[in-house]
Amino acid sequence: MPKAGIHPNYSEVRVVCACGSNFKTRSTHKGDIHVEICSACHPFFTGKQKLVDTAGRVERFRRKYAKAEPAAK
């Protein structure tokens, strides 16, 4: 048992992700915890990669380097 008066209050909180997933955990944080990415939507855990294309930059990069010839060794 922890000593009284020297440890922070450790209680149950709800973690809410931007994808809509939520779960309960224990923390010293007061209130709900809001996160942008969790294990339900993170590419490392899901095995699916999402490319966020801002102003066509990913497509422009692919077109540019698709035309490039392999470097001579």
N, C-alpha and C. Protein backbone atom coordinates (compact mmCIF):
# COMPACT_ATOMS: atom_id res chain seq x y z
N MET A 1 0.84 -1.19 0.00
CA MET A 1 0.00 0.00 0.00
C MET A 1 0.88 1.25 0.00
N PRO A 2 0.53 2.23 -0.84
CA PRO A 2 1.30 3.48 -0.84
C PRO A 2 1.03 4.29 0.42
N LYS A 3 2.01 5.07 0.80
CA LYS A 3 1.85 5.92 1.97
C LYS A 3 0.81 7.00 1.69
N ALA A 4 0.02 7.30 2.67
CA ALA A 4 -1.03 8.31 2.52
C ALA A 4 -0.43 9.71 2.46
N GLY A 5 -0.96 10.53 1.54
CA GLY A 5 -0.57 11.93 1.48
C GLY A 5 0.63 12.26 0.60
N ILE A 6 1.38 11.24 0.10
CA ILE A 6 2.55 11.58 -0.72
C ILE A 6 2.38 11.18 -2.18
N HIS A 7 1.37 10.37 -2.49
CA HIS A 7 1.16 9.91 -3.86
C HIS A 7 -0.06 10.61 -4.47
N PRO A 8 -0.03 10.88 -5.79
CA PRO A 8 -1.20 11.49 -6.43
C PRO A 8 -2.36 10.50 -6.51
N ASN A 9 -3.55 11.03 -6.65
CA ASN A 9 -4.73 10.20 -6.78
C ASN A 9 -4.68 9.45 -8.11
N TYR A 10 -4.82 8.14 -8.07
CA TYR A 10 -4.72 7.27 -9.25
C TYR A 10 -6.10 6.68 -9.47
N SER A 11 -6.82 7.23 -10.46
CA SER A 11 -8.20 6.80 -10.66
C SER A 11 -8.45 6.38 -12.10
N GLU A 12 -9.63 5.85 -12.36
CA GLU A 12 -10.00 5.38 -13.69
C GLU A 12 -10.41 6.56 -14.56
N VAL A 13 -9.87 6.63 -15.81
CA VAL A 13 -10.21 7.68 -16.77
C VAL A 13 -10.57 7.02 -18.10
N ARG A 14 -11.25 7.76 -18.94
CA ARG A 14 -11.64 7.26 -20.26
C ARG A 14 -10.74 7.93 -21.30
N VAL A 15 -10.18 7.13 -22.21
CA VAL A 15 -9.36 7.63 -23.31
C VAL A 15 -10.21 7.59 -24.57
N VAL A 16 -10.34 8.75 -25.25
CA VAL A 16 -11.16 8.86 -26.45
C VAL A 16 -10.26 9.24 -27.62
N CYS A 17 -10.33 8.45 -28.70
CA CYS A 17 -9.52 8.70 -29.89
C CYS A 17 -10.34 9.47 -30.92
N ALA A 18 -9.66 10.14 -31.84
CA ALA A 18 -10.33 10.87 -32.91
C ALA A 18 -11.07 9.93 -33.86
N CYS A 19 -10.66 8.66 -33.93
CA CYS A 19 -11.34 7.69 -34.80
C CYS A 19 -12.65 7.19 -34.20
N GLY A 20 -12.92 7.54 -32.95
CA GLY A 20 -14.16 7.13 -32.30
C GLY A 20 -13.97 6.02 -31.29
N SER A 21 -12.83 5.40 -31.28
CA SER A 21 -12.54 4.33 -30.33
C SER A 21 -12.35 4.92 -28.94
N ASN A 22 -12.78 4.20 -27.91
CA ASN A 22 -12.51 4.65 -26.55
C ASN A 22 -12.32 3.44 -25.64
N PHE A 23 -11.59 3.64 -24.55
CA PHE A 23 -11.34 2.60 -23.58
C PHE A 23 -11.05 3.24 -22.24
N LYS A 24 -11.10 2.44 -21.19
CA LYS A 24 -10.84 2.94 -19.84
C LYS A 24 -9.48 2.46 -19.38
N THR A 25 -8.80 3.31 -18.65
CA THR A 25 -7.51 2.98 -18.06
C THR A 25 -7.39 3.73 -16.74
N ARG A 26 -6.29 3.54 -16.06
CA ARG A 26 -6.07 4.26 -14.80
C ARG A 26 -4.95 5.26 -15.00
N SER A 27 -5.12 6.45 -14.40
CA SER A 27 -4.15 7.51 -14.59
C SER A 27 -4.27 8.52 -13.46
N THR A 28 -3.24 9.36 -13.34
CA THR A 28 -3.30 10.47 -12.39
C THR A 28 -3.92 11.70 -13.03
N HIS A 29 -4.18 11.63 -14.34
CA HIS A 29 -4.80 12.73 -15.08
C HIS A 29 -6.26 12.87 -14.64
N LYS A 30 -6.71 14.10 -14.53
CA LYS A 30 -8.10 14.34 -14.12
C LYS A 30 -8.96 14.51 -15.36
N GLY A 31 -10.06 13.78 -15.47
CA GLY A 31 -10.97 13.90 -16.61
C GLY A 31 -10.57 12.98 -17.75
N ASP A 32 -11.32 13.08 -18.84
CA ASP A 32 -11.06 12.25 -20.02
C ASP A 32 -9.79 12.68 -20.73
N ILE A 33 -9.15 11.73 -21.40
CA ILE A 33 -7.96 12.00 -22.20
C ILE A 33 -8.37 11.86 -23.66
N HIS A 34 -8.13 12.88 -24.47
CA HIS A 34 -8.46 12.86 -25.89
C HIS A 34 -7.16 12.74 -26.68
N VAL A 35 -7.09 11.70 -27.54
CA VAL A 35 -5.89 11.46 -28.36
C VAL A 35 -6.27 11.48 -29.83
N GLU A 36 -5.28 11.75 -30.69
CA GLU A 36 -5.52 11.81 -32.13
C GLU A 36 -5.39 10.44 -32.79
N ILE A 37 -4.60 9.55 -32.21
CA ILE A 37 -4.36 8.25 -32.83
C ILE A 37 -4.20 7.21 -31.72
N CYS A 38 -4.72 6.02 -31.97
CA CYS A 38 -4.65 4.95 -30.98
C CYS A 38 -4.27 3.64 -31.66
N SER A 39 -4.22 2.56 -30.90
CA SER A 39 -3.84 1.27 -31.48
C SER A 39 -4.88 0.73 -32.46
N ALA A 40 -6.11 1.23 -32.41
CA ALA A 40 -7.15 0.79 -33.34
C ALA A 40 -6.99 1.42 -34.73
N CYS A 41 -6.33 2.58 -34.81
CA CYS A 41 -6.21 3.25 -36.11
C CYS A 41 -4.76 3.54 -36.52
N HIS A 42 -3.77 3.24 -35.68
CA HIS A 42 -2.37 3.50 -36.02
C HIS A 42 -1.88 2.49 -37.05
N PRO A 43 -1.20 2.95 -38.11
CA PRO A 43 -0.74 2.05 -39.17
C PRO A 43 0.16 0.90 -38.69
N PHE A 44 0.94 1.11 -37.63
CA PHE A 44 1.81 0.06 -37.13
C PHE A 44 0.99 -1.13 -36.63
N PHE A 45 -0.12 -0.86 -35.97
CA PHE A 45 -0.94 -1.93 -35.41
C PHE A 45 -1.93 -2.50 -36.42
N THR A 46 -2.43 -1.67 -37.34
CA THR A 46 -3.43 -2.13 -38.30
C THR A 46 -2.81 -2.76 -39.54
N GLY A 47 -1.58 -2.40 -39.87
CA GLY A 47 -0.92 -2.91 -41.07
C GLY A 47 -1.34 -2.19 -42.33
N LYS A 48 -2.12 -1.14 -42.19
CA LYS A 48 -2.57 -0.35 -43.33
C LYS A 48 -1.96 1.04 -43.23
N GLN A 49 -1.39 1.51 -44.33
CA GLN A 49 -0.77 2.82 -44.34
C GLN A 49 -1.71 3.82 -44.99
N LYS A 50 -1.87 4.96 -44.35
CA LYS A 50 -2.69 6.03 -44.89
C LYS A 50 -1.77 7.19 -45.26
N LEU A 51 -1.80 7.60 -46.52
CA LEU A 51 -1.03 8.75 -46.93
C LEU A 51 -1.95 9.97 -46.98
N VAL A 52 -1.60 10.98 -46.24
CA VAL A 52 -2.38 12.20 -46.25
C VAL A 52 -1.78 13.09 -47.32
N ASP A 53 -2.50 13.28 -48.41
CA ASP A 53 -2.01 14.03 -49.54
C ASP A 53 -2.43 15.49 -49.41
N THR A 54 -1.47 16.35 -49.15
CA THR A 54 -1.73 17.77 -49.02
C THR A 54 -1.37 18.46 -50.32
N ALA A 55 -2.35 18.99 -50.99
CA ALA A 55 -2.16 19.74 -52.24
C ALA A 55 -1.47 18.92 -53.32
N GLY A 56 -1.70 17.61 -53.35
CA GLY A 56 -1.15 16.75 -54.40
C GLY A 56 0.33 16.50 -54.31
N ARG A 57 0.94 16.71 -53.18
CA ARG A 57 2.39 16.58 -53.05
C ARG A 57 2.86 15.14 -53.19
N VAL A 58 2.10 14.20 -52.66
CA VAL A 58 2.50 12.79 -52.76
C VAL A 58 2.46 12.35 -54.22
N GLU A 59 1.38 12.69 -54.92
CA GLU A 59 1.26 12.32 -56.33
C GLU A 59 2.33 13.00 -57.17
N ARG A 60 2.66 14.25 -56.90
CA ARG A 60 3.70 14.96 -57.63
C ARG A 60 5.06 14.29 -57.40
N PHE A 61 5.33 13.86 -56.16
CA PHE A 61 6.57 13.17 -55.84
C PHE A 61 6.66 11.85 -56.62
N ARG A 62 5.57 11.11 -56.64
CA ARG A 62 5.57 9.83 -57.36
C ARG A 62 5.78 10.03 -58.86
N ARG A 63 5.15 11.04 -59.46
CA ARG A 63 5.34 11.31 -60.90
C ARG A 63 6.79 11.71 -61.18
N LYS A 64 7.35 12.53 -60.32
CA LYS A 64 8.72 13.02 -60.53
C LYS A 64 9.72 11.87 -60.52
N TYR A 65 9.61 10.99 -59.54
CA TYR A 65 10.59 9.93 -59.40
C TYR A 65 10.24 8.68 -60.20
N ALA A 66 9.06 8.58 -60.74
CA ALA A 66 8.73 7.47 -61.63
C ALA A 66 9.45 7.65 -62.96
N LYS A 67 9.67 8.90 -63.38
CA LYS A 67 10.36 9.19 -64.64
C LYS A 67 11.86 9.06 -64.52
N ALA A 68 12.38 9.25 -63.32
CA ALA A 68 13.83 9.25 -63.11
C ALA A 68 14.42 7.88 -63.43
N GLU A 69 15.58 7.89 -64.08
CA GLU A 69 16.28 6.66 -64.41
C GLU A 69 17.09 6.22 -63.20
N PRO A 70 17.33 4.92 -63.04
CA PRO A 70 18.16 4.46 -61.93
C PRO A 70 19.56 5.06 -62.02
N ALA A 71 20.13 5.36 -60.89
CA ALA A 71 21.47 5.97 -60.84
C ALA A 71 22.52 4.96 -61.30
N ALA A 72 23.51 5.43 -62.07
CA ALA A 72 24.59 4.57 -62.54
C ALA A 72 25.55 4.31 -61.40
N LYS A 73 26.03 3.07 -61.32
CA LYS A 73 26.96 2.71 -60.24
C LYS A 73 28.37 2.75 -60.69
